[in-house]
Amino acid sequence: MLRSATLYLFILILTACGTASDSETDADQAARRPNIIFIMSDDHAQRAISAYSDELIQTPNLDRIANEGMLFHNSFVTNSICAPSRAAILTGKYSHINGKIDNLSPFDPNQWTFTEALHDAGYRTSLFGKHHLQEIPHGLDEYRALIGQGDYYNPTFIHNGDTLAPTKGYTTTLITDYALEELQRNADSDQPFMMLYWHKAPHRNWMPDTSDLDGLLDNEYPEPATLRDDYAGRPAAANADMRIADMFVSQDLKVIEEYEPNDPGTGGATFWEGGSAQMARYFYNEIDRLHPDQRAAWQPFLDRVGREWQQVKGTEEELSWRYQRYMQDYLASVKSVDDNVGRVLDYLDESGLADNTIVIYTSDQGFYLGEHGWYDKRFMYEESHRTPLMIRYPARIDAGTTVDELVLNIDIAPTLLELADTLIPEELQGYSLVPLFDGEAPDDWRDFIYYRYYQQMNSFHRVARHEGVRGDRYKLIHFTEPGFEGYELYDLDEDPNEMENRIDDPDLTAEKERLQSELREKRRELEVTD
């Protein structure tokens, strides 16, 4: 396990021996520590960032972080679902250790988090946007947090414990406005700051800003090769309720009841009696909460969507239309994140803060953009197991650096603590990424990563519980859900789309046994007991 205590102790020794200037104040020493802006979006697929792939969208501002810093090609999550991923990031620990195993289980806000550690180390700490953990983590001097998932328009924020009236505006922009106010407050301070700048977008139900509606329905995107996957040899995948073909027509595709009074979609809610009707009503409530000028901008868009739906409903073109409709809204939501991140990066340049500020960008997990016919996340397959990760820090990272080593979201906490010269608790399970900044991995860097998904199958999207290990080339998934027990094995070099389960392939018997042994070892090492 990599730890940064050596650097911290070295600084303490130098200070104790009088090596530092006697005239240097505590504020001078604190000012040398880097500021931190931790940007996180929700459900942002790697493929929807042009630094990773320019097939779908251009994201020039997010690309700036990668181009002026470091891009991680193989960044993964430990549990691909929103709240557990955020808990893993905050604690540097797997779900079974921090207790937040699914979206329904409680998160203990009294446990150690890197935000409180930095606060105790003298940082001014803040959070703006979505946290999704019921209770705000400790150690924040300032926060404006969305309630639950939040709304795309006119959201309600909790400000330092007080619930505010809904604020008119588009949520991605409002979160950025508050973040910029905090940066301006900190610009002339000697105290280092750490800001969690966490977006709702591009989480479902993907409502674009009014400024991005014009021309949006004319955008067309290439269909993924696996859009019409038949799930042969993968029974858990076949059972899942997350197909674009079954999306809610209202909530997801924006068809209002004037054009479709009875939503035919399951939308992942087959477990929930009356789910379609209630989710349709949720979308209509979202429309109703728009201010008159916002509704006026949306109405022509909604009318055209409704007319198009009536033309394709029940035809061979319906799935392709659904896919385009989904991608149009999802990528427009990403565009707004990119635009607003650009505002923050511009301010850092203009204020002179950029050189001494770490900017990190990630998502709480990846997302399916039509691969395997799906939206959503949860599975250990690549599209949702992967997550974007970019770090810019001019004082320590050369521009344009890339990393191919396997890294995890639990690595973020120890990384930020090391960069802030703060002690890393031994119980953290993540590795500091700082040794990778020089372009060469330590000899003891991980060769395999462990994954586990816990949520009950009788809940949203009907995904069977599973765990697994992934190396550079091969992946083993062990489904533990009653009725779906079994293994899947993939050769990611020969089958990057994970279409052929080769668990019974005699040519891979040795690889299967090696991966099963590695899974047992990871469970032992990480103290997985169930």
Protein backbone atom coordinates (compact mmCIF):
# COMPACT_ATOMS: atom_id res chain seq x y z
CA MET A 1 0.00 0.00 0.00
CA LEU A 2 1.32 3.45 -0.95
CA ARG A 3 1.30 6.12 1.70
CA SER A 4 2.38 9.78 1.90
CA ALA A 5 3.37 9.94 5.56
CA THR A 6 7.06 10.15 4.59
CA LEU A 7 6.62 13.51 2.91
CA TYR A 8 4.58 14.89 5.76
CA LEU A 9 7.06 13.73 8.42
CA PHE A 10 9.94 15.19 6.42
CA ILE A 11 8.22 18.59 6.46
CA LEU A 12 7.65 18.31 10.20
CA ILE A 13 11.33 17.48 10.78
CA LEU A 14 12.51 20.43 8.73
CA THR A 15 10.18 22.75 10.60
CA ALA A 16 11.20 21.43 14.02
CA CYS A 17 14.90 21.84 13.20
CA GLY A 18 14.46 25.46 12.20
CA THR A 19 15.19 24.89 8.52
CA ALA A 20 12.29 27.08 7.45
CA SER A 21 12.68 30.82 7.69
CA ASP A 22 12.05 32.06 11.21
CA SER A 23 10.12 35.01 9.76
CA GLU A 24 7.73 32.74 7.84
CA THR A 25 4.24 32.76 9.35
CA ASP A 26 1.79 29.90 9.57
CA ALA A 27 -0.22 31.67 6.86
CA ASP A 28 2.85 31.72 4.58
CA GLN A 29 3.32 27.99 5.05
CA ALA A 30 -0.39 27.31 4.50
CA ALA A 31 -0.41 29.39 1.31
CA ARG A 32 2.13 27.03 -0.26
CA ARG A 33 -0.31 24.16 0.02
CA PRO A 34 -2.37 23.72 -3.16
CA ASN A 35 -5.99 24.65 -3.48
CA ILE A 36 -8.28 21.85 -4.65
CA ILE A 37 -11.33 21.99 -6.93
CA PHE A 38 -12.89 18.55 -7.18
CA ILE A 39 -15.40 18.52 -10.04
CA MET A 40 -17.73 15.56 -10.32
CA SER A 41 -20.64 14.92 -12.64
CA ASP A 42 -23.22 12.16 -12.38
CA ASP A 43 -23.37 9.22 -14.83
CA HIS A 44 -20.84 10.69 -17.25
CA ALA A 45 -19.55 8.05 -19.66
CA GLN A 46 -15.92 8.24 -20.77
CA ARG A 47 -17.12 8.12 -24.38
CA ALA A 48 -18.97 11.40 -23.85
CA ILE A 49 -15.76 13.35 -23.30
CA SER A 50 -13.74 14.21 -26.41
CA ALA A 51 -10.44 13.78 -24.55
CA TYR A 52 -11.37 10.08 -24.54
CA SER A 53 -13.32 9.88 -27.81
CA ASP A 54 -14.53 12.49 -30.29
CA GLU A 55 -17.17 10.22 -31.80
CA LEU A 56 -20.13 11.79 -30.00
CA ILE A 57 -19.33 15.24 -28.63
CA GLN A 58 -16.71 17.94 -28.34
CA THR A 59 -15.97 18.98 -24.73
CA PRO A 60 -13.23 21.61 -25.10
CA ASN A 61 -13.27 22.73 -21.48
CA LEU A 62 -13.10 19.28 -19.93
CA ASP A 63 -10.38 18.51 -22.46
CA ARG A 64 -8.39 21.44 -21.08
CA ILE A 65 -8.02 19.59 -17.79
CA ALA A 66 -6.61 16.56 -19.61
CA ASN A 67 -4.50 18.51 -22.10
CA GLU A 68 -3.00 20.69 -19.37
CA GLY A 69 -2.65 17.81 -16.92
CA MET A 70 -3.10 14.05 -16.76
CA LEU A 71 -5.65 11.72 -18.37
CA PHE A 72 -6.26 8.31 -16.82
CA HIS A 73 -7.22 5.77 -19.49
CA ASN A 74 -8.13 2.96 -17.09
CA SER A 75 -10.09 4.54 -14.25
CA PHE A 76 -12.81 2.42 -12.60
CA VAL A 77 -15.35 2.45 -9.78
CA THR A 78 -15.77 -0.13 -7.02
CA ASN A 79 -19.59 -0.14 -7.11
CA SER A 80 -21.34 1.45 -10.09
CA ILE A 81 -24.26 3.25 -8.50
CA CYS A 82 -24.52 6.86 -7.38
CA ALA A 83 -24.56 7.13 -3.58
CA PRO A 84 -22.24 4.16 -2.87
CA SER A 85 -19.71 5.56 -5.32
CA ARG A 86 -19.77 8.95 -3.61
CA ALA A 87 -19.31 7.26 -0.24
CA ALA A 88 -16.34 5.31 -1.59
CA ILE A 89 -14.78 8.52 -2.91
CA LEU A 90 -15.26 10.41 0.36
CA THR A 91 -13.96 7.61 2.59
CA GLY A 92 -11.32 5.97 0.37
CA LYS A 93 -12.91 2.62 1.26
CA TYR A 94 -14.98 -0.06 -0.42
CA SER A 95 -18.74 -0.20 0.16
CA HIS A 96 -18.59 -3.14 2.56
CA ILE A 97 -16.26 -1.14 4.81
CA ASN A 98 -17.92 2.31 4.69
CA GLY A 99 -21.40 0.74 4.96
CA LYS A 100 -23.01 2.44 1.96
CA ILE A 101 -23.60 -0.63 -0.20
CA ASP A 102 -26.57 0.63 -2.24
CA ASN A 103 -28.78 3.67 -2.71
CA LEU A 104 -31.14 2.53 0.06
CA SER A 105 -28.68 1.80 2.90
CA PRO A 106 -27.72 4.65 5.26
CA PHE A 107 -24.41 6.50 5.14
CA ASP A 108 -22.81 7.23 8.50
CA PRO A 109 -21.71 10.89 8.29
CA ASN A 110 -19.64 10.49 11.47
CA GLN A 111 -17.06 8.26 9.82
CA TRP A 112 -13.78 9.59 8.46
CA THR A 113 -13.90 11.50 5.16
CA PHE A 114 -11.18 13.34 3.30
CA THR A 115 -13.27 16.53 3.44
CA GLU A 116 -13.14 16.58 7.24
CA ALA A 117 -9.45 15.65 7.21
CA LEU A 118 -8.63 18.62 4.98
CA HIS A 119 -10.83 20.89 7.06
CA ASP A 120 -8.98 19.82 10.21
CA ALA A 121 -5.68 20.43 8.39
CA GLY A 122 -6.57 24.09 7.87
CA TYR A 123 -8.40 24.09 4.53
CA ARG A 124 -11.55 26.12 3.92
CA THR A 125 -13.94 23.47 2.62
CA SER A 126 -17.15 23.76 0.62
CA LEU A 127 -19.64 21.78 -1.45
CA PHE A 128 -21.90 23.02 -4.24
CA GLY A 129 -24.35 20.73 -6.01
CA LYS A 130 -25.36 17.12 -5.59
CA HIS A 131 -24.08 14.92 -2.75
CA HIS A 132 -26.93 12.31 -2.61
CA LEU A 133 -26.04 10.93 0.84
CA GLN A 134 -29.06 12.12 2.88
CA GLU A 135 -26.79 13.74 5.48
CA ILE A 136 -24.13 16.26 4.52
CA PRO A 137 -20.62 14.93 5.24
CA HIS A 138 -18.85 16.61 8.15
CA GLY A 139 -16.08 19.13 7.73
CA LEU A 140 -17.65 21.68 5.38
CA ASP A 141 -17.48 25.41 6.06
CA GLU A 142 -19.96 26.27 3.31
CA TYR A 143 -22.42 24.27 1.25
CA ARG A 144 -25.38 24.62 -1.09
CA ALA A 145 -26.58 21.10 -1.68
CA LEU A 146 -29.41 19.74 -3.77
CA ILE A 147 -32.04 17.63 -2.02
CA GLY A 148 -31.76 14.05 -3.25
CA GLN A 149 -31.40 13.95 -7.03
CA GLY A 150 -32.41 17.57 -7.39
CA ASP A 151 -34.22 19.06 -10.40
CA TYR A 152 -32.79 20.34 -13.67
CA TYR A 153 -34.82 23.56 -13.40
CA ASN A 154 -35.56 25.88 -10.50
CA PRO A 155 -34.00 23.62 -7.86
CA THR A 156 -34.27 23.69 -4.09
CA PHE A 157 -30.96 23.97 -2.23
CA ILE A 158 -30.04 23.43 1.39
CA HIS A 159 -27.67 26.25 2.41
CA ASN A 160 -25.68 25.50 5.54
CA GLY A 161 -28.63 23.63 7.02
CA ASP A 162 -31.42 25.94 5.88
CA THR A 163 -33.79 24.82 3.12
CA LEU A 164 -34.20 27.67 0.64
CA ALA A 165 -37.07 28.52 -1.65
CA PRO A 166 -36.66 27.20 -5.22
CA THR A 167 -34.14 29.26 -7.17
CA LYS A 168 -35.06 30.19 -10.72
CA GLY A 169 -32.58 28.96 -13.28
CA TYR A 170 -30.87 25.95 -14.79
CA THR A 171 -29.24 23.80 -12.14
CA THR A 172 -25.87 23.26 -13.84
CA THR A 173 -25.48 27.01 -14.22
CA LEU A 174 -26.69 27.79 -10.70
CA ILE A 175 -24.24 25.34 -9.12
CA THR A 176 -21.47 27.04 -11.06
CA ASP A 177 -22.64 30.51 -10.00
CA TYR A 178 -22.35 29.49 -6.36
CA ALA A 179 -18.96 27.88 -6.93
CA LEU A 180 -17.65 31.06 -8.55
CA GLU A 181 -18.93 33.16 -5.65
CA GLU A 182 -16.96 30.93 -3.29
CA LEU A 183 -13.83 31.19 -5.45
CA GLN A 184 -14.08 34.97 -5.47
CA ARG A 185 -14.42 34.91 -1.69
CA ASN A 186 -11.23 32.84 -1.45
CA ALA A 187 -9.17 34.61 -4.12
CA ASP A 188 -7.33 36.97 -1.78
CA SER A 189 -7.15 34.66 1.22
CA ASP A 190 -3.99 33.01 2.50
CA GLN A 191 -6.02 30.01 3.59
CA PRO A 192 -5.99 27.09 1.11
CA PHE A 193 -9.38 25.87 -0.03
CA MET A 194 -10.96 22.59 -1.10
CA MET A 195 -14.19 22.78 -3.07
CA LEU A 196 -16.51 19.94 -4.07
CA TYR A 197 -18.12 21.25 -7.26
CA TRP A 198 -20.53 18.38 -7.96
CA HIS A 199 -23.08 18.46 -10.78
CA LYS A 200 -26.43 16.73 -11.10
CA ALA A 201 -26.00 16.41 -14.86
CA PRO A 202 -25.99 14.26 -16.89
CA HIS A 203 -28.15 12.14 -14.57
CA ARG A 204 -31.54 10.94 -15.76
CA ASN A 205 -33.90 12.54 -16.91
CA TRP A 206 -31.52 14.61 -19.03
CA MET A 207 -33.31 17.95 -19.42
CA PRO A 208 -31.19 20.33 -21.52
CA ASP A 209 -30.88 24.03 -20.86
CA THR A 210 -33.29 26.19 -22.85
CA SER A 211 -30.28 27.72 -24.63
CA ASP A 212 -29.44 24.28 -26.08
CA LEU A 213 -32.90 23.30 -27.33
CA ASP A 214 -32.73 25.07 -30.69
CA GLY A 215 -31.63 22.58 -33.34
CA LEU A 216 -31.17 19.78 -30.81
CA LEU A 217 -33.66 17.45 -32.50
CA ASP A 218 -31.67 17.61 -35.74
CA ASN A 219 -28.55 16.08 -34.15
CA GLU A 220 -27.85 12.48 -35.14
CA TYR A 221 -25.35 10.09 -33.56
CA PRO A 222 -23.87 6.77 -34.70
CA GLU A 223 -25.57 3.75 -33.21
CA PRO A 224 -23.30 1.47 -31.16
CA ALA A 225 -22.62 -1.95 -32.67
CA THR A 226 -24.31 -3.66 -29.71
CA LEU A 227 -27.53 -1.62 -29.65
CA ARG A 228 -29.51 -4.73 -30.64
CA ASP A 229 -27.66 -7.17 -28.38
CA ASP A 230 -29.56 -10.45 -27.87
CA TYR A 231 -27.64 -11.25 -24.60
CA ALA A 232 -26.77 -14.77 -25.69
CA GLY A 233 -24.83 -16.59 -22.96
CA ARG A 234 -25.47 -13.78 -20.44
CA PRO A 235 -28.71 -14.51 -18.56
CA ALA A 236 -28.29 -11.68 -16.02
CA ALA A 237 -27.93 -9.16 -18.84
CA ALA A 238 -31.00 -10.56 -20.56
CA ASN A 239 -33.04 -10.18 -17.36
CA ALA A 240 -32.14 -6.55 -16.65
CA ASP A 241 -34.73 -3.81 -17.16
CA MET A 242 -32.62 -1.00 -18.58
CA ARG A 243 -33.13 -1.22 -22.32
CA ILE A 244 -33.63 1.93 -24.36
CA ALA A 245 -36.46 0.02 -26.02
CA ASP A 246 -38.25 0.04 -22.64
CA MET A 247 -37.52 3.59 -21.52
CA PHE A 248 -40.34 5.75 -20.25
CA VAL A 249 -41.69 7.63 -23.24
CA SER A 250 -42.57 10.56 -20.99
CA GLN A 251 -39.84 10.88 -18.37
CA ASP A 252 -36.96 9.80 -20.60
CA LEU A 253 -37.95 10.74 -24.15
CA LYS A 254 -40.05 13.85 -23.36
CA VAL A 255 -43.34 12.83 -24.95
CA ILE A 256 -46.11 14.67 -23.12
CA GLU A 257 -49.53 13.12 -22.51
CA GLU A 258 -51.17 15.09 -25.32
CA TYR A 259 -49.24 12.82 -27.69
CA GLU A 260 -49.04 9.65 -25.52
CA PRO A 261 -51.59 9.44 -22.69
CA ASN A 262 -50.54 5.91 -21.61
CA ASP A 263 -46.78 5.56 -21.28
CA PRO A 264 -45.87 2.04 -22.54
CA GLY A 265 -42.38 1.97 -20.99
CA THR A 266 -41.17 0.08 -17.92
CA GLY A 267 -38.27 2.49 -17.36
CA GLY A 268 -36.52 0.10 -14.99
CA ALA A 269 -39.49 0.03 -12.60
CA THR A 270 -41.03 -3.38 -13.34
CA PHE A 271 -40.83 -4.17 -9.61
CA TRP A 272 -43.03 -1.17 -8.79
CA GLU A 273 -46.78 -1.48 -9.31
CA GLY A 274 -48.01 1.59 -11.10
CA GLY A 275 -44.43 2.70 -11.73
CA SER A 276 -45.00 3.87 -15.30
CA ALA A 277 -47.91 6.09 -14.36
CA GLN A 278 -46.08 7.62 -11.41
CA MET A 279 -42.88 8.28 -13.36
CA ALA A 280 -44.90 9.86 -16.16
CA ARG A 281 -46.52 12.10 -13.55
CA TYR A 282 -43.05 12.99 -12.24
CA PHE A 283 -42.08 14.31 -15.66
CA TYR A 284 -45.29 16.28 -16.00
CA ASN A 285 -44.56 17.82 -12.60
CA GLU A 286 -41.11 18.78 -13.89
CA ILE A 287 -42.73 20.54 -16.83
CA ASP A 288 -45.27 22.22 -14.54
CA ARG A 289 -42.49 23.66 -12.36
CA LEU A 290 -41.00 25.57 -15.31
CA HIS A 291 -41.40 29.34 -15.22
CA PRO A 292 -43.49 30.79 -18.09
CA ASP A 293 -40.45 31.86 -20.11
CA GLN A 294 -38.86 28.43 -19.65
CA ARG A 295 -42.08 26.67 -20.67
CA ALA A 296 -42.33 28.90 -23.73
CA ALA A 297 -38.86 27.78 -24.79
CA TRP A 298 -39.71 24.11 -24.21
CA GLN A 299 -43.16 24.00 -25.86
CA PRO A 300 -42.10 23.92 -29.54
CA PHE A 301 -39.53 21.26 -28.65
CA LEU A 302 -42.14 19.12 -26.86
CA ASP A 303 -44.61 19.45 -29.70
CA ARG A 304 -42.09 18.28 -32.28
CA VAL A 305 -41.03 15.35 -30.08
CA GLY A 306 -44.66 14.32 -29.69
CA ARG A 307 -45.37 14.46 -33.42
CA GLU A 308 -42.23 12.44 -34.19
CA TRP A 309 -43.21 9.82 -31.61
CA GLN A 310 -46.59 9.34 -33.20
CA GLN A 311 -44.89 8.75 -36.56
CA VAL A 312 -42.42 6.09 -35.34
CA LYS A 313 -44.42 4.34 -32.62
CA GLY A 314 -44.70 0.63 -33.36
CA THR A 315 -42.54 0.82 -36.51
CA GLU A 316 -39.11 -0.62 -37.29
CA GLU A 317 -37.68 2.86 -36.82
CA GLU A 318 -38.86 3.18 -33.20
CA LEU A 319 -35.67 1.92 -31.50
CA SER A 320 -33.42 4.13 -33.61
CA TRP A 321 -35.61 7.13 -32.83
CA ARG A 322 -35.55 6.31 -29.11
CA TYR A 323 -31.76 6.06 -29.21
CA GLN A 324 -31.37 9.43 -30.94
CA ARG A 325 -33.85 11.05 -28.54
CA TYR A 326 -31.90 9.74 -25.55
CA MET A 327 -28.53 10.80 -26.91
CA GLN A 328 -29.72 14.27 -27.88
CA ASP A 329 -30.77 15.08 -24.32
CA TYR A 330 -27.92 13.26 -22.58
CA LEU A 331 -25.20 14.97 -24.65
CA ALA A 332 -26.88 18.38 -24.35
CA SER A 333 -26.73 17.92 -20.56
CA VAL A 334 -23.02 17.10 -20.90
CA LYS A 335 -22.49 20.21 -23.05
CA SER A 336 -23.84 22.40 -20.26
CA VAL A 337 -21.45 20.80 -17.77
CA ASP A 338 -18.58 21.48 -20.16
CA ASP A 339 -19.64 25.09 -20.72
CA ASN A 340 -19.85 25.74 -16.99
CA VAL A 341 -16.58 24.01 -16.15
CA GLY A 342 -15.08 26.39 -18.69
CA ARG A 343 -16.34 29.34 -16.62
CA VAL A 344 -14.51 27.99 -13.58
CA LEU A 345 -11.28 27.31 -15.47
CA ASP A 346 -11.39 30.79 -16.98
CA TYR A 347 -11.78 32.33 -13.53
CA LEU A 348 -8.80 30.38 -12.21
CA ASP A 349 -6.69 31.78 -15.05
CA GLU A 350 -7.96 35.33 -14.65
CA SER A 351 -7.53 35.38 -10.87
CA GLY A 352 -4.03 33.90 -10.85
CA LEU A 353 -5.20 30.84 -8.90
CA ALA A 354 -4.58 28.30 -11.64
CA ASP A 355 -0.92 27.50 -10.96
CA ASN A 356 -1.48 26.52 -7.34
CA THR A 357 -4.86 24.84 -7.76
CA ILE A 358 -5.43 21.13 -8.31
CA VAL A 359 -8.40 20.56 -10.63
CA ILE A 360 -9.75 17.03 -10.67
CA TYR A 361 -12.62 15.85 -12.86
CA THR A 362 -14.46 12.55 -12.57
CA SER A 363 -17.94 11.05 -12.48
CA ASP A 364 -19.53 8.86 -9.84
CA GLN A 365 -19.55 6.11 -12.48
CA GLY A 366 -19.82 5.54 -16.20
CA PHE A 367 -23.03 5.01 -18.15
CA TYR A 368 -24.43 3.04 -21.07
CA LEU A 369 -24.97 5.10 -24.19
CA GLY A 370 -26.82 2.43 -26.11
CA GLU A 371 -24.19 -0.29 -25.69
CA HIS A 372 -25.97 -3.63 -25.15
CA GLY A 373 -29.16 -1.72 -25.91
CA TRP A 374 -28.95 -0.03 -22.52
CA TYR A 375 -28.94 3.17 -20.52
CA ASP A 376 -28.05 3.32 -16.77
CA LYS A 377 -25.07 1.64 -15.04
CA ARG A 378 -24.69 -1.05 -12.25
CA PHE A 379 -23.10 -3.88 -14.23
CA MET A 380 -19.37 -4.63 -14.20
CA TYR A 381 -19.27 -4.41 -17.98
CA GLU A 382 -16.83 -1.78 -19.24
CA GLU A 383 -19.14 1.11 -20.06
CA SER A 384 -20.41 1.53 -16.49
CA HIS A 385 -17.40 0.10 -14.66
CA ARG A 386 -15.16 2.74 -16.25
CA THR A 387 -15.32 6.38 -15.22
CA PRO A 388 -13.51 9.48 -16.51
CA LEU A 389 -10.61 10.81 -14.45
CA MET A 390 -8.43 13.83 -15.22
CA ILE A 391 -6.18 15.86 -12.93
CA ARG A 392 -4.52 19.22 -13.66
CA TYR A 393 -1.88 20.58 -11.29
CA PRO A 394 0.79 22.64 -13.10
CA ALA A 395 3.19 22.56 -10.15
CA ARG A 396 3.39 18.77 -10.21
CA ILE A 397 1.95 17.32 -13.44
CA ASP A 398 3.33 17.86 -16.94
CA ALA A 399 0.77 18.86 -19.54
CA GLY A 400 -0.51 16.11 -21.78
CA THR A 401 0.46 13.20 -19.51
CA THR A 402 -1.46 9.94 -19.82
CA VAL A 403 -1.65 6.95 -17.48
CA ASP A 404 -2.60 3.37 -18.37
CA GLU A 405 -2.40 1.76 -14.90
CA LEU A 406 -5.56 0.47 -13.23
CA VAL A 407 -6.88 3.13 -10.85
CA LEU A 408 -10.03 3.33 -8.71
CA ASN A 409 -12.34 5.99 -7.32
CA ILE A 410 -11.15 5.10 -3.78
CA ASP A 411 -7.72 6.40 -4.85
CA ILE A 412 -8.92 10.00 -4.94
CA ALA A 413 -8.99 10.55 -1.16
CA PRO A 414 -5.38 9.47 -0.46
CA THR A 415 -4.21 11.36 -3.55
CA LEU A 416 -5.68 14.66 -2.39
CA LEU A 417 -4.37 14.15 1.15
CA GLU A 418 -0.85 13.53 -0.13
CA LEU A 419 -0.93 16.57 -2.39
CA ALA A 420 -2.14 18.64 0.59
CA ASP A 421 0.71 17.30 2.80
CA THR A 422 -1.83 15.69 5.10
CA LEU A 423 -1.43 12.31 6.78
CA ILE A 424 -3.22 9.37 5.15
CA PRO A 425 -4.91 6.98 7.60
CA GLU A 426 -3.60 3.43 7.28
CA GLU A 427 -7.11 1.99 7.02
CA LEU A 428 -7.78 3.64 3.66
CA GLN A 429 -8.00 1.05 0.90
CA GLY A 430 -7.16 3.30 -2.01
CA TYR A 431 -3.69 4.07 -3.35
CA SER A 432 -2.34 7.59 -3.76
CA LEU A 433 -2.01 8.36 -7.46
CA VAL A 434 0.90 10.76 -6.87
CA PRO A 435 3.58 8.16 -7.70
CA LEU A 436 2.02 7.85 -11.16
CA PHE A 437 2.53 11.54 -11.87
CA ASP A 438 6.12 10.86 -12.91
CA GLY A 439 5.03 8.44 -15.61
CA GLU A 440 6.13 5.16 -14.10
CA ALA A 441 4.14 2.93 -11.76
CA PRO A 442 5.70 1.60 -8.55
CA ASP A 443 6.54 -2.10 -8.52
CA ASP A 444 3.74 -2.81 -6.06
CA TRP A 445 0.97 -1.13 -8.09
CA ARG A 446 -2.19 -3.23 -8.42
CA ASP A 447 -2.51 -5.78 -11.23
CA PHE A 448 -6.21 -6.46 -10.61
CA ILE A 449 -9.19 -4.47 -9.39
CA TYR A 450 -12.15 -5.77 -7.39
CA TYR A 451 -15.79 -4.81 -8.03
CA ARG A 452 -19.05 -5.57 -6.26
CA TYR A 453 -22.68 -4.59 -6.86
CA TYR A 454 -25.05 -5.15 -3.91
CA GLN A 455 -28.48 -3.70 -4.65
CA GLN A 456 -31.40 -6.12 -4.48
CA MET A 457 -32.60 -7.28 -7.87
CA ASN A 458 -36.19 -6.51 -6.86
CA SER A 459 -35.53 -2.80 -7.29
CA PHE A 460 -34.79 -0.39 -10.11
CA HIS A 461 -33.43 -1.99 -13.28
CA ARG A 462 -33.47 -5.59 -12.01
CA VAL A 463 -29.70 -6.07 -12.08
CA ALA A 464 -28.45 -9.29 -10.47
CA ARG A 465 -25.95 -8.96 -7.63
CA HIS A 466 -22.40 -9.76 -8.63
CA GLU A 467 -18.71 -9.25 -7.94
CA GLY A 468 -15.58 -9.73 -9.97
CA VAL A 469 -11.98 -8.94 -10.80
CA ARG A 470 -10.44 -7.26 -13.82
CA GLY A 471 -6.83 -7.22 -14.98
CA ASP A 472 -5.25 -5.64 -18.04
CA ARG A 473 -6.81 -8.14 -20.44
CA TYR A 474 -9.22 -10.53 -18.74
CA LYS A 475 -12.31 -9.99 -16.61
CA LEU A 476 -14.17 -12.46 -14.40
CA ILE A 477 -17.70 -11.68 -13.17
CA HIS A 478 -19.35 -13.87 -10.52
CA PHE A 479 -23.12 -13.46 -10.35
CA THR A 480 -24.39 -14.39 -6.87
CA GLU A 481 -28.09 -13.59 -7.30
CA PRO A 482 -30.30 -16.68 -6.69
CA GLY A 483 -31.45 -17.96 -10.05
CA PHE A 484 -28.57 -16.27 -11.87
CA GLU A 485 -25.57 -17.81 -10.11
CA GLY A 486 -22.58 -18.37 -12.34
CA TYR A 487 -19.47 -16.90 -13.89
CA GLU A 488 -18.71 -14.85 -16.97
CA LEU A 489 -15.23 -14.51 -18.46
CA TYR A 490 -14.18 -11.97 -21.09
CA ASP A 491 -11.05 -11.44 -23.14
CA LEU A 492 -11.09 -7.66 -23.48
CA ASP A 493 -8.44 -7.65 -26.21
CA GLU A 494 -10.36 -9.95 -28.54
CA ASP A 495 -13.85 -9.00 -27.38
CA PRO A 496 -13.86 -5.38 -26.11
CA ASN A 497 -17.67 -5.21 -26.37
CA GLU A 498 -18.04 -8.20 -24.00
CA MET A 499 -20.40 -10.15 -26.21
CA GLU A 500 -18.91 -13.64 -25.78
CA ASN A 501 -18.90 -15.26 -22.35
CA ARG A 502 -15.93 -17.65 -22.49
CA ILE A 503 -16.24 -19.20 -19.06
CA ASP A 504 -16.51 -22.69 -20.58
CA ASP A 505 -13.84 -22.18 -23.25
CA PRO A 506 -11.16 -24.86 -22.72
CA ASP A 507 -8.54 -22.52 -24.19
CA LEU A 508 -9.08 -20.20 -21.22
CA THR A 509 -9.21 -22.79 -18.43
CA ALA A 510 -5.90 -21.66 -16.95
CA GLU A 511 -7.01 -18.01 -17.12
CA LYS A 512 -10.33 -18.85 -15.46
CA GLU A 513 -8.58 -20.61 -12.58
CA ARG A 514 -6.12 -17.75 -12.19
CA LEU A 515 -8.93 -15.19 -12.05
CA GLN A 516 -10.96 -17.25 -9.60
CA SER A 517 -7.89 -17.47 -7.38
CA GLU A 518 -7.39 -13.72 -7.72
CA LEU A 519 -11.01 -13.12 -6.73
CA ARG A 520 -10.57 -15.21 -3.59
CA GLU A 521 -7.35 -13.31 -2.78
CA LYS A 522 -8.99 -9.92 -3.27
CA ARG A 523 -11.84 -10.88 -0.98
CA ARG A 524 -9.30 -11.90 1.68
CA GLU A 525 -7.13 -8.82 1.23
CA LEU A 526 -10.10 -6.41 1.31
CA GLU A 527 -11.84 -8.18 4.22
CA VAL A 528 -14.94 -9.15 2.25
CA THR A 529 -16.74 -11.61 4.51
CA ASP A 530 -20.09 -12.30 2.83
